[in-house]
Amino acid sequence: MAPEERLQRGLELAELVRALLAAGVRARHPEYSEEEVRLAVIRIVLGEKLFRAAYPHAGHIEP
């Protein structure tokens, strides 16, 4: 597989993972807006400490 193809596949997989994470957040929190879902996914990806440092206003968001 050419390097460009590997990169493309990696990007597609990353997009799929984020979509799956968002679907899980939506299933657990159907009341969340799209922005809250986005923040919950970011919280999962970054981890608790970095998320709180980067998004101190969003401490109420649960993944």
PDB file of N, CA and C in Angstrom:
ATOM      1  N   MET A   1       0.855  -1.171   0.000  1.00  0.00           N
ATOM      2  CA  MET A   1       0.000   0.000   0.000  1.00  0.00           C
ATOM      3  C   MET A   1       0.905   1.240   0.000  1.00  0.00           C
ATOM      4  N   ALA A   2       0.573   2.167  -0.847  1.00  0.00           N
ATOM      5  CA  ALA A   2       1.346   3.404  -0.962  1.00  0.00           C
ATOM      6  C   ALA A   2       1.154   4.264   0.286  1.00  0.00           C
ATOM      7  N   PRO A   3       2.136   5.102   0.608  1.00  0.00           N
ATOM      8  CA  PRO A   3       2.013   5.959   1.791  1.00  0.00           C
ATOM      9  C   PRO A   3       0.750   6.827   1.780  1.00  0.00           C
ATOM     10  N   GLU A   4       0.376   7.311   0.608  1.00  0.00           N
ATOM     11  CA  GLU A   4      -0.825   8.145   0.516  1.00  0.00           C
ATOM     12  C   GLU A   4      -2.076   7.352   0.885  1.00  0.00           C
ATOM     13  N   GLU A   5      -2.113   6.098   0.455  1.00  0.00           N
ATOM     14  CA  GLU A   5      -3.257   5.241   0.782  1.00  0.00           C
ATOM     15  C   GLU A   5      -3.301   4.944   2.277  1.00  0.00           C
ATOM     16  N   ARG A   6      -2.147   4.695   2.852  1.00  0.00           N
ATOM     17  CA  ARG A   6      -2.087   4.428   4.296  1.00  0.00           C
ATOM     18  C   ARG A   6      -2.569   5.636   5.079  1.00  0.00           C
ATOM     19  N   LEU A   7      -2.127   6.810   4.666  1.00  0.00           N
ATOM     20  CA  LEU A   7      -2.572   8.035   5.328  1.00  0.00           C
ATOM     21  C   LEU A   7      -4.084   8.195   5.194  1.00  0.00           C
ATOM     22  N   GLN A   8      -4.593   7.991   4.000  1.00  0.00           N
ATOM     23  CA  GLN A   8      -6.037   8.117   3.768  1.00  0.00           C
ATOM     24  C   GLN A   8      -6.817   7.132   4.626  1.00  0.00           C
ATOM     25  N   ARG A   9      -6.366   5.905   4.699  1.00  0.00           N
ATOM     26  CA  ARG A   9      -7.047   4.895   5.534  1.00  0.00           C
ATOM     27  C   ARG A   9      -6.995   5.287   7.007  1.00  0.00           C
ATOM     28  N   GLY A  10      -5.853   5.778   7.447  1.00  0.00           N
ATOM     29  CA  GLY A  10      -5.736   6.213   8.838  1.00  0.00           C
ATOM     30  C   GLY A  10      -6.695   7.340   9.165  1.00  0.00           C
ATOM     31  N   LEU A  11      -6.807   8.296   8.257  1.00  0.00           N
ATOM     32  CA  LEU A  11      -7.740   9.410   8.460  1.00  0.00           C
ATOM     33  C   LEU A  11      -9.184   8.928   8.472  1.00  0.00           C
ATOM     34  N   GLU A  12      -9.504   7.983   7.592  1.00  0.00           N
ATOM     35  CA  GLU A  12     -10.856   7.421   7.567  1.00  0.00           C
ATOM     36  C   GLU A  12     -11.168   6.683   8.861  1.00  0.00           C
ATOM     37  N   LEU A  13     -10.197   5.940   9.374  1.00  0.00           N
ATOM     38  CA  LEU A  13     -10.409   5.227  10.639  1.00  0.00           C
ATOM     39  C   LEU A  13     -10.593   6.200  11.798  1.00  0.00           C
ATOM     40  N   ALA A  14      -9.805   7.266  11.820  1.00  0.00           N
ATOM     41  CA  ALA A  14      -9.942   8.270  12.877  1.00  0.00           C
ATOM     42  C   ALA A  14     -11.330   8.903  12.835  1.00  0.00           C
ATOM     43  N   GLU A  15     -11.812   9.183  11.627  1.00  0.00           N
ATOM     44  CA  GLU A  15     -13.153   9.752  11.470  1.00  0.00           C
ATOM     45  C   GLU A  15     -14.224   8.768  11.942  1.00  0.00           C
ATOM     46  N   LEU A  16     -14.039   7.498  11.631  1.00  0.00           N
ATOM     47  CA  LEU A  16     -14.980   6.467  12.063  1.00  0.00           C
ATOM     48  C   LEU A  16     -15.007   6.358  13.588  1.00  0.00           C
ATOM     49  N   VAL A  17     -13.845   6.390  14.211  1.00  0.00           N
ATOM     50  CA  VAL A  17     -13.772   6.306  15.675  1.00  0.00           C
ATOM     51  C   VAL A  17     -14.505   7.483  16.305  1.00  0.00           C
ATOM     52  N   ARG A  18     -14.281   8.676  15.787  1.00  0.00           N
ATOM     53  CA  ARG A  18     -14.974   9.849  16.339  1.00  0.00           C
ATOM     54  C   ARG A  18     -16.483   9.738  16.157  1.00  0.00           C
ATOM     55  N   ALA A  19     -16.912   9.217  15.024  1.00  0.00           N
ATOM     56  CA  ALA A  19     -18.351   9.036  14.789  1.00  0.00           C
ATOM     57  C   ALA A  19     -18.930   8.022  15.768  1.00  0.00           C
ATOM     58  N   LEU A  20     -18.195   6.952  16.024  1.00  0.00           N
ATOM     59  CA  LEU A  20     -18.659   5.945  16.989  1.00  0.00           C
ATOM     60  C   LEU A  20     -18.698   6.511  18.402  1.00  0.00           C
ATOM     61  N   LEU A  21     -17.689   7.294  18.765  1.00  0.00           N
ATOM     62  CA  LEU A  21     -17.692   7.936  20.081  1.00  0.00           C
ATOM     63  C   LEU A  21     -18.897   8.868  20.209  1.00  0.00           C
ATOM     64  N   ALA A  22     -19.163   9.651  19.182  1.00  0.00           N
ATOM     65  CA  ALA A  22     -20.304  10.573  19.212  1.00  0.00           C
ATOM     66  C   ALA A  22     -21.619   9.811  19.324  1.00  0.00           C
ATOM     67  N   ALA A  23     -21.739   8.695  18.624  1.00  0.00           N
ATOM     68  CA  ALA A  23     -22.963   7.887  18.708  1.00  0.00           C
ATOM     69  C   ALA A  23     -23.153   7.355  20.124  1.00  0.00           C
ATOM     70  N   GLY A  24     -22.075   6.941  20.757  1.00  0.00           N
ATOM     71  CA  GLY A  24     -22.160   6.466  22.133  1.00  0.00           C
ATOM     72  C   GLY A  24     -22.589   7.563  23.087  1.00  0.00           C
ATOM     73  N   VAL A  25     -22.029   8.755  22.909  1.00  0.00           N
ATOM     74  CA  VAL A  25     -22.416   9.895  23.753  1.00  0.00           C
ATOM     75  C   VAL A  25     -23.894  10.213  23.545  1.00  0.00           C
ATOM     76  N   ARG A  26     -24.337  10.232  22.285  1.00  0.00           N
ATOM     77  CA  ARG A  26     -25.755  10.514  22.005  1.00  0.00           C
ATOM     78  C   ARG A  26     -26.672   9.472  22.640  1.00  0.00           C
ATOM     79  N   ALA A  27     -26.248   8.211  22.635  1.00  0.00           N
ATOM     80  CA  ALA A  27     -27.068   7.149  23.232  1.00  0.00           C
ATOM     81  C   ALA A  27     -27.166   7.328  24.747  1.00  0.00           C
ATOM     82  N   ARG A  28     -26.069   7.755  25.374  1.00  0.00           N
ATOM     83  CA  ARG A  28     -26.069   7.944  26.828  1.00  0.00           C
ATOM     84  C   ARG A  28     -26.714   9.260  27.251  1.00  0.00           C
ATOM     85  N   HIS A  29     -26.648  10.255  26.366  1.00  0.00           N
ATOM     86  CA  HIS A  29     -27.145  11.599  26.698  1.00  0.00           C
ATOM     87  C   HIS A  29     -27.993  12.147  25.549  1.00  0.00           C
ATOM     88  N   PRO A  30     -29.185  11.612  25.351  1.00  0.00           N
ATOM     89  CA  PRO A  30     -30.015  12.081  24.232  1.00  0.00           C
ATOM     90  C   PRO A  30     -30.400  13.559  24.352  1.00  0.00           C
ATOM     91  N   GLU A  31     -30.260  14.122  25.531  1.00  0.00           N
ATOM     92  CA  GLU A  31     -30.609  15.528  25.736  1.00  0.00           C
ATOM     93  C   GLU A  31     -29.506  16.481  25.279  1.00  0.00           C
ATOM     94  N   TYR A  32     -28.304  15.974  24.979  1.00  0.00           N
ATOM     95  CA  TYR A  32     -27.179  16.824  24.596  1.00  0.00           C
ATOM     96  C   TYR A  32     -27.394  17.441  23.218  1.00  0.00           C
ATOM     97  N   SER A  33     -26.995  18.695  23.106  1.00  0.00           N
ATOM     98  CA  SER A  33     -26.962  19.356  21.797  1.00  0.00           C
ATOM     99  C   SER A  33     -25.744  18.828  21.026  1.00  0.00           C
ATOM    100  N   GLU A  34     -25.642  19.184  19.760  1.00  0.00           N
ATOM    101  CA  GLU A  34     -24.483  18.746  18.967  1.00  0.00           C
ATOM    102  C   GLU A  34     -23.185  19.304  19.544  1.00  0.00           C
ATOM    103  N   GLU A  35     -23.223  20.517  20.067  1.00  0.00           N
ATOM    104  CA  GLU A  35     -22.031  21.109  20.683  1.00  0.00           C
ATOM    105  C   GLU A  35     -21.635  20.334  21.937  1.00  0.00           C
ATOM    106  N   GLU A  36     -22.596  19.929  22.737  1.00  0.00           N
ATOM    107  CA  GLU A  36     -22.293  19.144  23.936  1.00  0.00           C
ATOM    108  C   GLU A  36     -21.754  17.766  23.565  1.00  0.00           C
ATOM    109  N   VAL A  37     -22.280  17.172  22.507  1.00  0.00           N
ATOM    110  CA  VAL A  37     -21.753  15.884  22.028  1.00  0.00           C
ATOM    111  C   VAL A  37     -20.305  16.070  21.592  1.00  0.00           C
ATOM    112  N   ARG A  38     -20.040  17.137  20.849  1.00  0.00           N
ATOM    113  CA  ARG A  38     -18.676  17.418  20.389  1.00  0.00           C
ATOM    114  C   ARG A  38     -17.724  17.568  21.572  1.00  0.00           C
ATOM    115  N   LEU A  39     -18.151  18.299  22.590  1.00  0.00           N
ATOM    116  CA  LEU A  39     -17.311  18.485  23.773  1.00  0.00           C
ATOM    117  C   LEU A  39     -17.110  17.174  24.532  1.00  0.00           C
ATOM    118  N   ALA A  40     -18.125  16.340  24.601  1.00  0.00           N
ATOM    119  CA  ALA A  40     -17.991  15.047  25.276  1.00  0.00           C
ATOM    120  C   ALA A  40     -16.987  14.158  24.551  1.00  0.00           C
ATOM    121  N   VAL A  41     -17.009  14.177  23.229  1.00  0.00           N
ATOM    122  CA  VAL A  41     -16.036  13.395  22.453  1.00  0.00           C
ATOM    123  C   VAL A  41     -14.630  13.934  22.699  1.00  0.00           C
ATOM    124  N   ILE A  42     -14.488  15.238  22.708  1.00  0.00           N
ATOM    125  CA  ILE A  42     -13.180  15.838  22.989  1.00  0.00           C
ATOM    126  C   ILE A  42     -12.706  15.424  24.371  1.00  0.00           C
ATOM    127  N   ARG A  43     -13.612  15.396  25.337  1.00  0.00           N
ATOM    128  CA  ARG A  43     -13.247  14.993  26.700  1.00  0.00           C
ATOM    129  C   ARG A  43     -12.731  13.560  26.727  1.00  0.00           C
ATOM    130  N   ILE A  44     -13.362  12.673  25.976  1.00  0.00           N
ATOM    131  CA  ILE A  44     -12.917  11.280  25.910  1.00  0.00           C
ATOM    132  C   ILE A  44     -11.524  11.208  25.297  1.00  0.00           C
ATOM    133  N   VAL A  45     -11.312  11.943  24.215  1.00  0.00           N
ATOM    134  CA  VAL A  45     -10.047  11.881  23.485  1.00  0.00           C
ATOM    135  C   VAL A  45      -8.902  12.508  24.286  1.00  0.00           C
ATOM    136  N   LEU A  46      -9.148  13.659  24.885  1.00  0.00           N
ATOM    137  CA  LEU A  46      -8.087  14.370  25.597  1.00  0.00           C
ATOM    138  C   LEU A  46      -7.794  13.812  26.983  1.00  0.00           C
ATOM    139  N   GLY A  47      -8.796  13.250  27.615  1.00  0.00           N
ATOM    140  CA  GLY A  47      -8.636  12.844  29.004  1.00  0.00           C
ATOM    141  C   GLY A  47      -9.087  13.968  29.922  1.00  0.00           C
ATOM    142  N   GLU A  48      -9.346  13.610  31.158  1.00  0.00           N
ATOM    143  CA  GLU A  48      -9.955  14.532  32.120  1.00  0.00           C
ATOM    144  C   GLU A  48      -9.113  15.788  32.376  1.00  0.00           C
ATOM    145  N   LYS A  49      -7.856  15.606  32.703  1.00  0.00           N
ATOM    146  CA  LYS A  49      -7.013  16.731  33.114  1.00  0.00           C
ATOM    147  C   LYS A  49      -6.833  17.751  31.987  1.00  0.00           C
ATOM    148  N   LEU A  50      -6.487  17.282  30.812  1.00  0.00           N
ATOM    149  CA  LEU A  50      -6.276  18.187  29.685  1.00  0.00           C
ATOM    150  C   LEU A  50      -7.585  18.839  29.244  1.00  0.00           C
ATOM    151  N   PHE A  51      -8.681  18.078  29.277  1.00  0.00           N
ATOM    152  CA  PHE A  51      -9.979  18.645  28.908  1.00  0.00           C
ATOM    153  C   PHE A  51     -10.340  19.791  29.841  1.00  0.00           C
ATOM    154  N   ARG A  52     -10.196  19.588  31.133  1.00  0.00           N
ATOM    155  CA  ARG A  52     -10.555  20.644  32.097  1.00  0.00           C
ATOM    156  C   ARG A  52      -9.662  21.874  31.936  1.00  0.00           C
ATOM    157  N   ALA A  53      -8.394  21.662  31.584  1.00  0.00           N
ATOM    158  CA  ALA A  53      -7.497  22.795  31.354  1.00  0.00           C
ATOM    159  C   ALA A  53      -7.880  23.556  30.085  1.00  0.00           C
ATOM    160  N   ALA A  54      -8.258  22.836  29.042  1.00  0.00           N
ATOM    161  CA  ALA A  54      -8.571  23.465  27.760  1.00  0.00           C
ATOM    162  C   ALA A  54      -9.993  24.022  27.701  1.00  0.00           C
ATOM    163  N   TYR A  55     -10.915  23.390  28.419  1.00  0.00           N
ATOM    164  CA  TYR A  55     -12.333  23.775  28.373  1.00  0.00           C
ATOM    165  C   TYR A  55     -12.882  23.935  29.793  1.00  0.00           C
ATOM    166  N   PRO A  56     -12.392  24.906  30.553  1.00  0.00           N
ATOM    167  CA  PRO A  56     -12.840  25.038  31.945  1.00  0.00           C
ATOM    168  C   PRO A  56     -14.333  25.345  32.075  1.00  0.00           C
ATOM    169  N   HIS A  57     -14.925  25.926  31.040  1.00  0.00           N
ATOM    170  CA  HIS A  57     -16.352  26.262  31.061  1.00  0.00           C
ATOM    171  C   HIS A  57     -17.243  25.043  30.827  1.00  0.00           C
ATOM    172  N   ALA A  58     -16.657  23.915  30.436  1.00  0.00           N
ATOM    173  CA  ALA A  58     -17.451  22.740  30.048  1.00  0.00           C
ATOM    174  C   ALA A  58     -17.319  21.594  31.041  1.00  0.00           C
ATOM    175  N   GLY A  59     -17.056  21.906  32.287  1.00  0.00           N
ATOM    176  CA  GLY A  59     -16.888  20.864  33.292  1.00  0.00           C
ATOM    177  C   GLY A  59     -18.126  20.026  33.533  1.00  0.00           C
ATOM    178  N   HIS A  60     -19.289  20.530  33.147  1.00  0.00           N
ATOM    179  CA  HIS A  60     -20.550  19.801  33.351  1.00  0.00           C
ATOM    180  C   HIS A  60     -20.775  18.705  32.308  1.00  0.00           C
ATOM    181  N   ILE A  61     -19.981  18.683  31.256  1.00  0.00           N
ATOM    182  CA  ILE A  61     -20.157  17.708  30.174  1.00  0.00           C
ATOM    183  C   ILE A  61     -19.627  16.348  30.611  1.00  0.00           C
ATOM    184  N   GLU A  62     -20.490  15.347  30.557  1.00  0.00           N
ATOM    185  CA  GLU A  62     -20.101  13.973  30.875  1.00  0.00           C
ATOM    186  C   GLU A  62     -20.010  13.164  29.585  1.00  0.00           C
ATOM    187  N   PRO A  63     -19.002  12.312  29.479  1.00  0.00           N
ATOM    188  CA  PRO A  63     -18.884  11.489  28.259  1.00  0.00           C
ATOM    189  C   PRO A  63     -19.898  10.362  28.207  1.00  0.00           C
TER     190      PRO A  63
END
